Amino acid sequence: MKAFKISALIIALAIVLVACKPINPDAKPTDQLDDIRTVAARTIEALTTQMLQTEQANKTLAPHMPSETLETPIQPVETAQVPTNEAETTPAPNAGSQPDGKPCDLAFFMGETIPDGSELYPGMMFKKTWTFRNDGSCTWTGDYAVVFMSGDSMSAPVATPIGKAEVKPGETVEVTVPLIAPTIGGEYRADFKLRNAGGVLFAFKNPDHTFWVDIKVVEGVIHLAHAYCGATWSSAAGVLPCPGLPSDPAGYVYSDNSPVLETGAMDDEPTLWLGVNAVQNGYIMGIYPAMKIPENASFSTVLGCGHGLTQCRVNFVLAYQEGEGQVVQLGSWDEVYDGELERIRLDLSALAGRTVKIVLIARAIDSPDGGRIHLLEPVIKP
């Protein structure tokens, strides 16, 4: 299209030039036409040559001429950084993490005893065992422990050592915590965590998670020989440990499932042994946590001295306490070593439905060397 426009312009110019030429009156019309063609041809040739030279010059200069698009600077475009696999799999270092990305202390739950919702008697002693695998990168030492966090402690120790000198990564350990069921019926839960040698708490991948004991206490029968370490025991020497040792002159209490009775016979029922402290008119007393007494309930046991303790002379008292009030005696029995057993059954219907603390007392009768008595299967039941 551009070439056509230029050609038309050239022809027009040629015609003008010819028109300006003086007219030969003798010339023929065909001669004038030839003159026009000749001028036009020469003009086209000259202009074409000039156009080609100009176009060639423009091509040569074009790369050095500024373009309109360069007058406005191009703004750089920001590009997002694409994370690499290494960045995704390698967490930033933090306290307790190792170069391989594993936390130093991490546990994996493997199993437990006493499943959630287990039904237990009021005051019943039991043990909960958890099995853990060390899923961290650090070795657990004997200073690691299971610690009580929240809920109803059920007389759990504040801290229970894991019981092994070391548990390497990938190894397992069983940790057993002694517990006592509450003496009032209902549902109870205690939450625990692990604690390392530096006092830092940990458990599973979710740091907020705990492990727990979850039981249901069923009212009806209260086994005093099961719940005895839930009671507070004392003598003239002060508060006593539970369980105690028969060799402790300050007095002691412990339970035995295969006792040898005053008669020399062996039994297989849970038996509570009370050792009076070795002083004149010494005593031992145990106050149980508050418990609700069932309807139509009675207290029963078989009372006797320790086998072979011929100097045994002990007064046994069953009492109760409401709140922080006075200790009220329910019954009293004197026991001497005579090769006989005394069966006790005491009606507690006056306490039915009331929440009270049961109190057991053993007192030496005019004896400076104390004495030891057994309560064979002491229970409160309908």
Protein backbone atom coordinates (compact mmCIF):
# COMPACT_ATOMS: atom_id res chain seq x y z
CA MET A 1 0.00 0.00 0.00
CA LYS A 2 2.83 2.37 0.86
CA ALA A 3 4.58 1.68 -2.51
CA PHE A 4 1.33 2.33 -4.40
CA LYS A 5 0.89 5.75 -2.74
CA ILE A 6 4.47 6.77 -3.57
CA SER A 7 4.10 5.67 -7.24
CA ALA A 8 0.92 7.69 -7.59
CA LEU A 9 2.66 10.74 -6.15
CA ILE A 10 5.57 10.40 -8.58
CA ILE A 11 3.30 10.14 -11.59
CA ALA A 12 1.44 13.24 -10.47
CA LEU A 13 4.69 15.16 -10.14
CA ALA A 14 5.81 14.01 -13.59
CA ILE A 15 2.62 15.28 -15.14
CA VAL A 16 3.09 18.63 -13.49
CA LEU A 17 6.65 18.87 -14.78
CA VAL A 18 5.62 18.04 -18.29
CA ALA A 19 2.79 20.51 -18.08
CA CYS A 20 5.25 23.21 -17.20
CA LYS A 21 7.38 22.41 -20.27
CA PRO A 22 6.73 24.76 -23.23
CA ILE A 23 4.47 23.20 -25.78
CA ASN A 24 5.83 22.64 -29.23
CA PRO A 25 3.06 23.62 -31.56
CA ASP A 26 4.38 21.26 -34.16
CA ALA A 27 4.49 18.28 -31.86
CA LYS A 28 2.03 15.47 -32.19
CA PRO A 29 -0.15 14.30 -29.30
CA THR A 30 1.72 11.03 -29.18
CA ASP A 31 5.00 12.88 -28.84
CA GLN A 32 3.65 14.72 -25.82
CA LEU A 33 2.55 11.43 -24.27
CA ASP A 34 6.00 9.99 -24.80
CA ASP A 35 7.52 13.00 -23.12
CA ILE A 36 5.27 12.51 -20.10
CA ARG A 37 6.22 8.84 -19.87
CA THR A 38 9.91 9.66 -20.12
CA VAL A 39 9.80 12.29 -17.41
CA ALA A 40 7.73 10.12 -15.15
CA ALA A 41 10.08 7.21 -15.56
CA ARG A 42 13.10 9.34 -14.75
CA THR A 43 11.36 10.91 -11.77
CA ILE A 44 10.26 7.55 -10.41
CA GLU A 45 13.78 6.23 -10.82
CA ALA A 46 15.27 9.19 -8.98
CA LEU A 47 12.75 9.16 -6.18
CA THR A 48 12.96 5.41 -5.79
CA THR A 49 16.72 5.61 -5.46
CA GLN A 50 16.37 8.36 -2.85
CA MET A 51 13.72 6.43 -0.95
CA LEU A 52 15.84 3.30 -0.83
CA GLN A 53 18.82 5.29 0.43
CA THR A 54 16.69 6.93 3.11
CA GLU A 55 15.20 3.60 4.18
CA GLN A 56 18.67 2.07 4.37
CA ALA A 57 19.85 5.00 6.48
CA ASN A 58 16.86 4.59 8.81
CA LYS A 59 17.63 0.90 9.25
CA THR A 60 21.17 1.76 10.20
CA LEU A 61 20.13 4.46 12.70
CA ALA A 62 17.09 2.68 14.13
CA PRO A 63 18.89 0.67 16.83
CA HIS A 64 20.34 3.91 18.22
CA MET A 65 17.08 5.86 18.25
CA PRO A 66 15.15 5.95 21.50
CA SER A 67 11.75 4.34 21.41
CA GLU A 68 8.65 5.64 23.12
CA THR A 69 8.47 2.56 25.37
CA LEU A 70 11.90 3.31 26.83
CA GLU A 71 10.82 6.76 27.98
CA THR A 72 8.80 5.10 30.80
CA PRO A 73 11.03 2.92 33.05
CA ILE A 74 9.86 -0.67 33.47
CA GLN A 75 9.15 -1.47 37.13
CA PRO A 76 10.73 -4.71 38.36
CA VAL A 77 8.26 -7.46 39.30
CA GLU A 78 8.72 -9.14 42.70
CA THR A 79 8.61 -12.91 42.62
CA ALA A 80 7.66 -15.09 45.59
CA GLN A 81 10.32 -17.33 47.01
CA VAL A 82 9.35 -20.97 46.51
CA PRO A 83 10.21 -23.04 49.61
CA THR A 84 12.47 -25.98 49.01
CA ASN A 85 11.94 -29.45 50.45
CA GLU A 86 14.82 -28.83 52.80
CA ALA A 87 13.11 -25.77 54.28
CA GLU A 88 9.88 -27.73 54.78
CA THR A 89 11.45 -30.66 56.56
CA THR A 90 14.04 -28.89 58.66
CA PRO A 91 12.38 -26.93 61.49
CA ALA A 92 14.03 -23.92 63.01
CA PRO A 93 16.15 -24.89 65.99
CA ASN A 94 14.46 -24.48 69.38
CA ALA A 95 15.04 -25.43 72.98
CA GLY A 96 14.85 -29.18 73.39
CA SER A 97 15.21 -29.96 69.67
CA GLN A 98 18.13 -31.87 68.23
CA PRO A 99 19.83 -31.42 64.83
CA ASP A 100 17.71 -34.25 63.39
CA GLY A 101 14.53 -32.33 64.25
CA LYS A 102 13.33 -34.75 66.98
CA PRO A 103 12.48 -33.30 70.38
CA CYS A 104 14.81 -34.34 73.15
CA ASP A 105 11.97 -35.63 75.34
CA LEU A 106 8.93 -37.26 73.73
CA ALA A 107 6.80 -40.23 74.82
CA PHE A 108 4.56 -42.61 72.92
CA PHE A 109 1.68 -44.27 74.80
CA MET A 110 1.80 -48.07 74.50
CA GLY A 111 -0.76 -49.33 77.05
CA GLU A 112 -2.20 -49.19 80.56
CA THR A 113 -3.91 -51.12 83.33
CA ILE A 114 -7.17 -50.09 85.07
CA PRO A 115 -9.08 -49.01 81.93
CA ASP A 116 -11.11 -45.81 81.97
CA GLY A 117 -14.39 -46.17 83.84
CA SER A 118 -13.23 -49.09 86.01
CA GLU A 119 -15.50 -49.59 89.03
CA LEU A 120 -13.77 -49.69 92.43
CA TYR A 121 -14.86 -49.87 96.05
CA PRO A 122 -14.71 -46.76 98.22
CA GLY A 123 -11.22 -46.42 99.71
CA MET A 124 -9.85 -49.35 97.70
CA MET A 125 -6.08 -49.39 97.17
CA PHE A 126 -5.01 -50.05 93.59
CA LYS A 127 -2.13 -49.49 91.19
CA LYS A 128 -2.15 -47.91 87.76
CA THR A 129 0.58 -48.90 85.30
CA TRP A 130 1.39 -47.08 82.05
CA THR A 131 3.72 -48.36 79.34
CA PHE A 132 5.63 -45.71 77.38
CA ARG A 133 8.12 -45.78 74.52
CA ASN A 134 10.87 -43.20 74.38
CA ASP A 135 10.19 -41.47 71.03
CA GLY A 136 12.61 -38.59 71.65
CA SER A 137 16.30 -38.27 70.91
CA CYS A 138 17.50 -38.18 74.54
CA THR A 139 17.96 -41.08 76.95
CA TRP A 140 15.67 -41.05 79.98
CA THR A 141 17.51 -41.50 83.26
CA GLY A 142 16.45 -42.64 86.71
CA ASP A 143 15.71 -39.01 87.56
CA TYR A 144 12.77 -38.97 85.13
CA ALA A 145 9.38 -39.36 86.83
CA VAL A 146 5.61 -39.41 86.44
CA VAL A 147 4.11 -36.41 88.25
CA PHE A 148 0.56 -35.57 89.30
CA MET A 149 -0.86 -32.54 87.46
CA SER A 150 -4.53 -31.99 88.25
CA GLY A 151 -7.84 -33.54 89.26
CA ASP A 152 -8.40 -35.81 92.26
CA SER A 153 -4.98 -37.10 93.30
CA MET A 154 -6.40 -40.35 94.76
CA SER A 155 -3.48 -40.21 97.22
CA ALA A 156 -0.95 -40.46 94.37
CA PRO A 157 2.64 -39.46 95.16
CA VAL A 158 3.65 -36.04 93.89
CA ALA A 159 6.30 -37.77 91.75
CA THR A 160 6.91 -41.44 90.93
CA PRO A 161 10.34 -42.29 89.41
CA ILE A 162 10.21 -44.28 86.17
CA GLY A 163 12.08 -47.10 87.94
CA LYS A 164 14.87 -47.70 85.40
CA ALA A 165 18.41 -46.33 85.30
CA GLU A 166 18.02 -45.44 81.64
CA VAL A 167 15.54 -45.77 78.78
CA LYS A 168 17.21 -45.18 75.42
CA PRO A 169 15.34 -43.83 72.37
CA GLY A 170 13.09 -46.58 71.02
CA GLU A 171 13.00 -48.52 74.32
CA THR A 172 9.92 -48.95 76.54
CA VAL A 173 9.31 -48.61 80.26
CA GLU A 174 6.45 -49.43 82.64
CA VAL A 175 5.68 -46.93 85.38
CA THR A 176 3.38 -47.92 88.27
CA VAL A 177 1.71 -45.38 90.56
CA PRO A 178 0.02 -46.49 93.84
CA LEU A 179 -3.44 -44.99 94.33
CA ILE A 180 -6.43 -45.10 96.67
CA ALA A 181 -10.00 -44.72 95.46
CA PRO A 182 -11.98 -41.93 97.14
CA THR A 183 -14.38 -43.03 99.86
CA ILE A 184 -17.39 -41.24 98.34
CA GLY A 185 -19.17 -42.72 95.35
CA GLY A 186 -18.78 -40.95 92.01
CA GLU A 187 -16.52 -40.54 88.98
CA TYR A 188 -12.94 -39.41 89.50
CA ARG A 189 -10.01 -38.51 87.28
CA ALA A 190 -6.37 -37.64 87.92
CA ASP A 191 -4.07 -36.26 85.18
CA PHE A 192 -0.32 -36.89 84.98
CA LYS A 193 2.71 -35.98 82.88
CA LEU A 194 6.32 -37.05 82.59
CA ARG A 195 9.11 -34.86 83.99
CA ASN A 196 12.76 -34.94 82.95
CA ALA A 197 15.83 -34.61 85.14
CA GLY A 198 15.81 -30.84 84.67
CA GLY A 199 12.24 -30.47 85.90
CA VAL A 200 10.74 -29.89 82.44
CA LEU A 201 7.32 -31.48 81.89
CA PHE A 202 6.54 -33.40 78.71
CA ALA A 203 4.31 -36.12 77.33
CA PHE A 204 3.26 -36.70 73.74
CA LYS A 205 3.47 -34.84 70.39
CA ASN A 206 0.78 -32.45 71.55
CA PRO A 207 2.45 -30.81 74.58
CA ASP A 208 -0.95 -30.07 76.14
CA HIS A 209 -1.95 -33.73 76.32
CA THR A 210 -1.75 -35.71 79.57
CA PHE A 211 -2.34 -39.32 80.61
CA TRP A 212 -4.74 -40.13 83.40
CA VAL A 213 -6.56 -42.39 85.84
CA ASP A 214 -10.33 -42.47 85.34
CA ILE A 215 -12.44 -44.55 87.77
CA LYS A 216 -15.94 -44.86 89.16
CA VAL A 217 -16.34 -45.44 92.89
CA VAL A 218 -19.33 -47.65 93.65
CA GLU A 219 -20.77 -47.20 97.11
CA GLY A 220 -21.85 -50.18 99.14
CA VAL A 221 -18.88 -51.97 100.72
CA ILE A 222 -15.97 -50.05 102.31
CA HIS A 223 -12.85 -52.20 102.75
CA LEU A 224 -10.81 -50.54 105.49
CA ALA A 225 -7.85 -52.87 104.89
CA HIS A 226 -7.70 -51.72 101.24
CA ALA A 227 -8.03 -48.03 102.01
CA TYR A 228 -5.77 -47.87 105.07
CA CYS A 229 -3.01 -45.72 103.54
CA GLY A 230 -5.64 -43.16 102.65
CA ALA A 231 -6.01 -42.61 106.39
CA THR A 232 -3.73 -40.43 108.52
CA TRP A 233 -1.91 -42.53 111.12
CA SER A 234 -0.23 -41.20 114.24
CA SER A 235 1.03 -42.14 117.69
CA ALA A 236 2.57 -40.36 120.65
CA ALA A 237 5.71 -40.15 118.48
CA GLY A 238 3.93 -38.17 115.76
CA VAL A 239 2.66 -38.91 112.25
CA LEU A 240 3.53 -42.41 111.03
CA PRO A 241 4.47 -43.60 107.53
CA CYS A 242 2.11 -45.88 105.63
CA PRO A 243 2.75 -48.67 105.23
CA GLY A 244 5.00 -48.99 108.25
CA LEU A 245 7.51 -51.58 109.48
CA PRO A 246 6.85 -53.98 112.40
CA SER A 247 10.25 -53.04 113.84
CA ASP A 248 9.34 -49.34 114.25
CA PRO A 249 9.11 -48.52 118.01
CA ALA A 250 7.07 -45.39 117.17
CA GLY A 251 4.19 -47.62 116.05
CA TYR A 252 3.15 -48.96 112.66
CA VAL A 253 0.33 -50.05 110.37
CA TYR A 254 0.42 -52.41 107.40
CA SER A 255 -1.81 -54.82 105.47
CA ASP A 256 -1.31 -58.54 104.98
CA ASN A 257 -3.18 -60.91 102.68
CA SER A 258 -1.85 -64.11 104.28
CA PRO A 259 -1.87 -63.40 108.03
CA VAL A 260 -1.00 -65.81 110.82
CA LEU A 261 -3.69 -65.22 113.42
CA GLU A 262 -3.53 -65.42 117.20
CA THR A 263 -4.64 -69.05 116.98
CA GLY A 264 -1.69 -69.91 114.73
CA ALA A 265 -3.97 -70.44 111.74
CA MET A 266 -3.21 -68.77 108.42
CA ASP A 267 -5.95 -66.91 106.58
CA ASP A 268 -6.27 -65.49 103.07
CA GLU A 269 -8.40 -62.42 103.76
CA PRO A 270 -6.95 -58.89 103.76
CA THR A 271 -5.86 -58.09 107.32
CA LEU A 272 -4.90 -54.83 108.97
CA TRP A 273 -2.11 -54.93 111.58
CA LEU A 274 -1.88 -52.17 114.20
CA GLY A 275 1.36 -51.90 116.22
CA VAL A 276 1.19 -49.74 119.36
CA ASN A 277 4.25 -47.61 120.04
CA ALA A 278 6.52 -49.05 122.70
CA VAL A 279 5.83 -46.71 125.64
CA GLN A 280 3.65 -46.89 128.72
CA ASN A 281 0.03 -46.53 127.59
CA GLY A 282 1.14 -46.08 124.01
CA TYR A 283 -1.37 -45.92 121.18
CA ILE A 284 -1.84 -45.75 117.41
CA MET A 285 -4.72 -43.94 115.70
CA GLY A 286 -5.91 -43.80 112.08
CA ILE A 287 -8.41 -41.25 110.75
CA TYR A 288 -9.92 -42.19 107.36
CA PRO A 289 -11.09 -39.65 104.79
CA ALA A 290 -14.77 -38.74 104.93
CA MET A 291 -17.04 -41.46 103.55
CA LYS A 292 -20.77 -41.85 103.14
CA ILE A 293 -22.15 -44.64 105.32
CA PRO A 294 -24.57 -46.93 103.40
CA GLU A 295 -28.10 -47.64 104.60
CA ASN A 296 -28.44 -50.53 107.06
CA ALA A 297 -24.65 -50.78 107.33
CA SER A 298 -22.59 -52.48 110.00
CA PHE A 299 -18.90 -52.75 110.87
CA SER A 300 -17.43 -56.24 111.09
CA THR A 301 -13.98 -57.77 111.70
CA VAL A 302 -12.17 -60.52 113.58
CA LEU A 303 -9.95 -59.17 116.40
CA GLY A 304 -6.89 -60.90 117.79
CA CYS A 305 -3.30 -60.44 119.03
CA GLY A 306 -0.25 -61.33 117.00
CA HIS A 307 0.63 -65.01 117.16
CA GLY A 308 3.11 -65.73 119.99
CA LEU A 309 2.80 -62.26 121.59
CA THR A 310 1.79 -63.57 124.99
CA GLN A 311 2.14 -60.15 126.67
CA CYS A 312 -0.35 -58.53 124.30
CA ARG A 313 -3.04 -56.48 126.11
CA VAL A 314 -4.68 -53.93 123.81
CA ASN A 315 -7.90 -51.92 123.83
CA PHE A 316 -9.45 -51.45 120.38
CA VAL A 317 -11.86 -48.54 119.71
CA LEU A 318 -14.08 -47.82 116.69
CA ALA A 319 -15.12 -44.15 116.45
CA TYR A 320 -16.17 -41.50 113.96
CA GLN A 321 -15.72 -37.75 113.36
CA GLU A 322 -18.00 -35.38 111.47
CA GLY A 323 -16.12 -32.52 109.86
CA GLU A 324 -13.61 -31.18 112.37
CA GLY A 325 -15.83 -31.99 115.34
CA GLN A 326 -15.11 -34.24 118.29
CA VAL A 327 -14.22 -37.91 117.88
CA VAL A 328 -17.22 -39.96 119.01
CA GLN A 329 -16.75 -43.53 120.20
CA LEU A 330 -18.94 -46.22 118.63
CA GLY A 331 -17.56 -49.31 120.35
CA SER A 332 -14.65 -50.56 122.50
CA TRP A 333 -13.14 -54.07 122.93
CA ASP A 334 -10.29 -55.32 125.07
CA GLU A 335 -8.06 -57.95 123.52
CA VAL A 336 -5.61 -60.12 125.46
CA TYR A 337 -3.52 -63.00 124.28
CA ASP A 338 -5.56 -66.09 125.11
CA GLY A 339 -5.46 -68.14 121.90
CA GLU A 340 -9.01 -67.01 121.04
CA LEU A 341 -10.39 -64.68 118.40
CA GLU A 342 -13.14 -62.11 118.93
CA ARG A 343 -15.67 -61.58 116.18
CA ILE A 344 -17.07 -58.07 116.06
CA ARG A 345 -20.24 -56.87 114.37
CA LEU A 346 -21.47 -53.36 115.19
CA ASP A 347 -24.65 -51.77 113.83
CA LEU A 348 -24.03 -48.40 112.12
CA SER A 349 -27.60 -47.63 111.09
CA ALA A 350 -27.47 -44.43 113.21
CA LEU A 351 -24.90 -43.10 110.71
CA ALA A 352 -26.79 -44.17 107.57
CA GLY A 353 -26.51 -41.57 104.80
CA ARG A 354 -24.13 -39.39 106.80
CA THR A 355 -20.64 -38.47 105.61
CA VAL A 356 -18.17 -39.15 108.40
CA LYS A 357 -14.52 -40.02 109.05
CA ILE A 358 -14.06 -43.50 110.49
CA VAL A 359 -11.45 -43.61 113.30
CA LEU A 360 -9.55 -46.74 114.44
CA ILE A 361 -7.63 -46.62 117.75
CA ALA A 362 -5.49 -49.26 119.48
CA ARG A 363 -4.18 -48.52 123.04
CA ALA A 364 -1.83 -50.54 125.17
CA ILE A 365 -3.30 -51.60 128.52
CA ASP A 366 -0.70 -51.09 131.28
CA SER A 367 2.07 -52.28 129.01
CA PRO A 368 5.38 -50.50 128.37
CA ASP A 369 6.27 -52.70 125.40
CA GLY A 370 3.16 -51.98 123.34
CA GLY A 371 1.36 -54.71 121.50
CA ARG A 372 0.13 -55.76 118.07
CA ILE A 373 -3.39 -56.66 117.03
CA HIS A 374 -4.94 -57.78 113.78
CA LEU A 375 -8.26 -56.76 112.23
CA LEU A 376 -9.18 -59.57 109.84
CA GLU A 377 -11.17 -58.22 106.86
CA PRO A 378 -12.44 -55.02 108.50
CA VAL A 379 -15.39 -53.78 106.39
CA ILE A 380 -18.39 -51.48 106.52
CA LYS A 381 -21.20 -52.95 104.43
CA PRO A 382 -25.00 -53.27 104.31
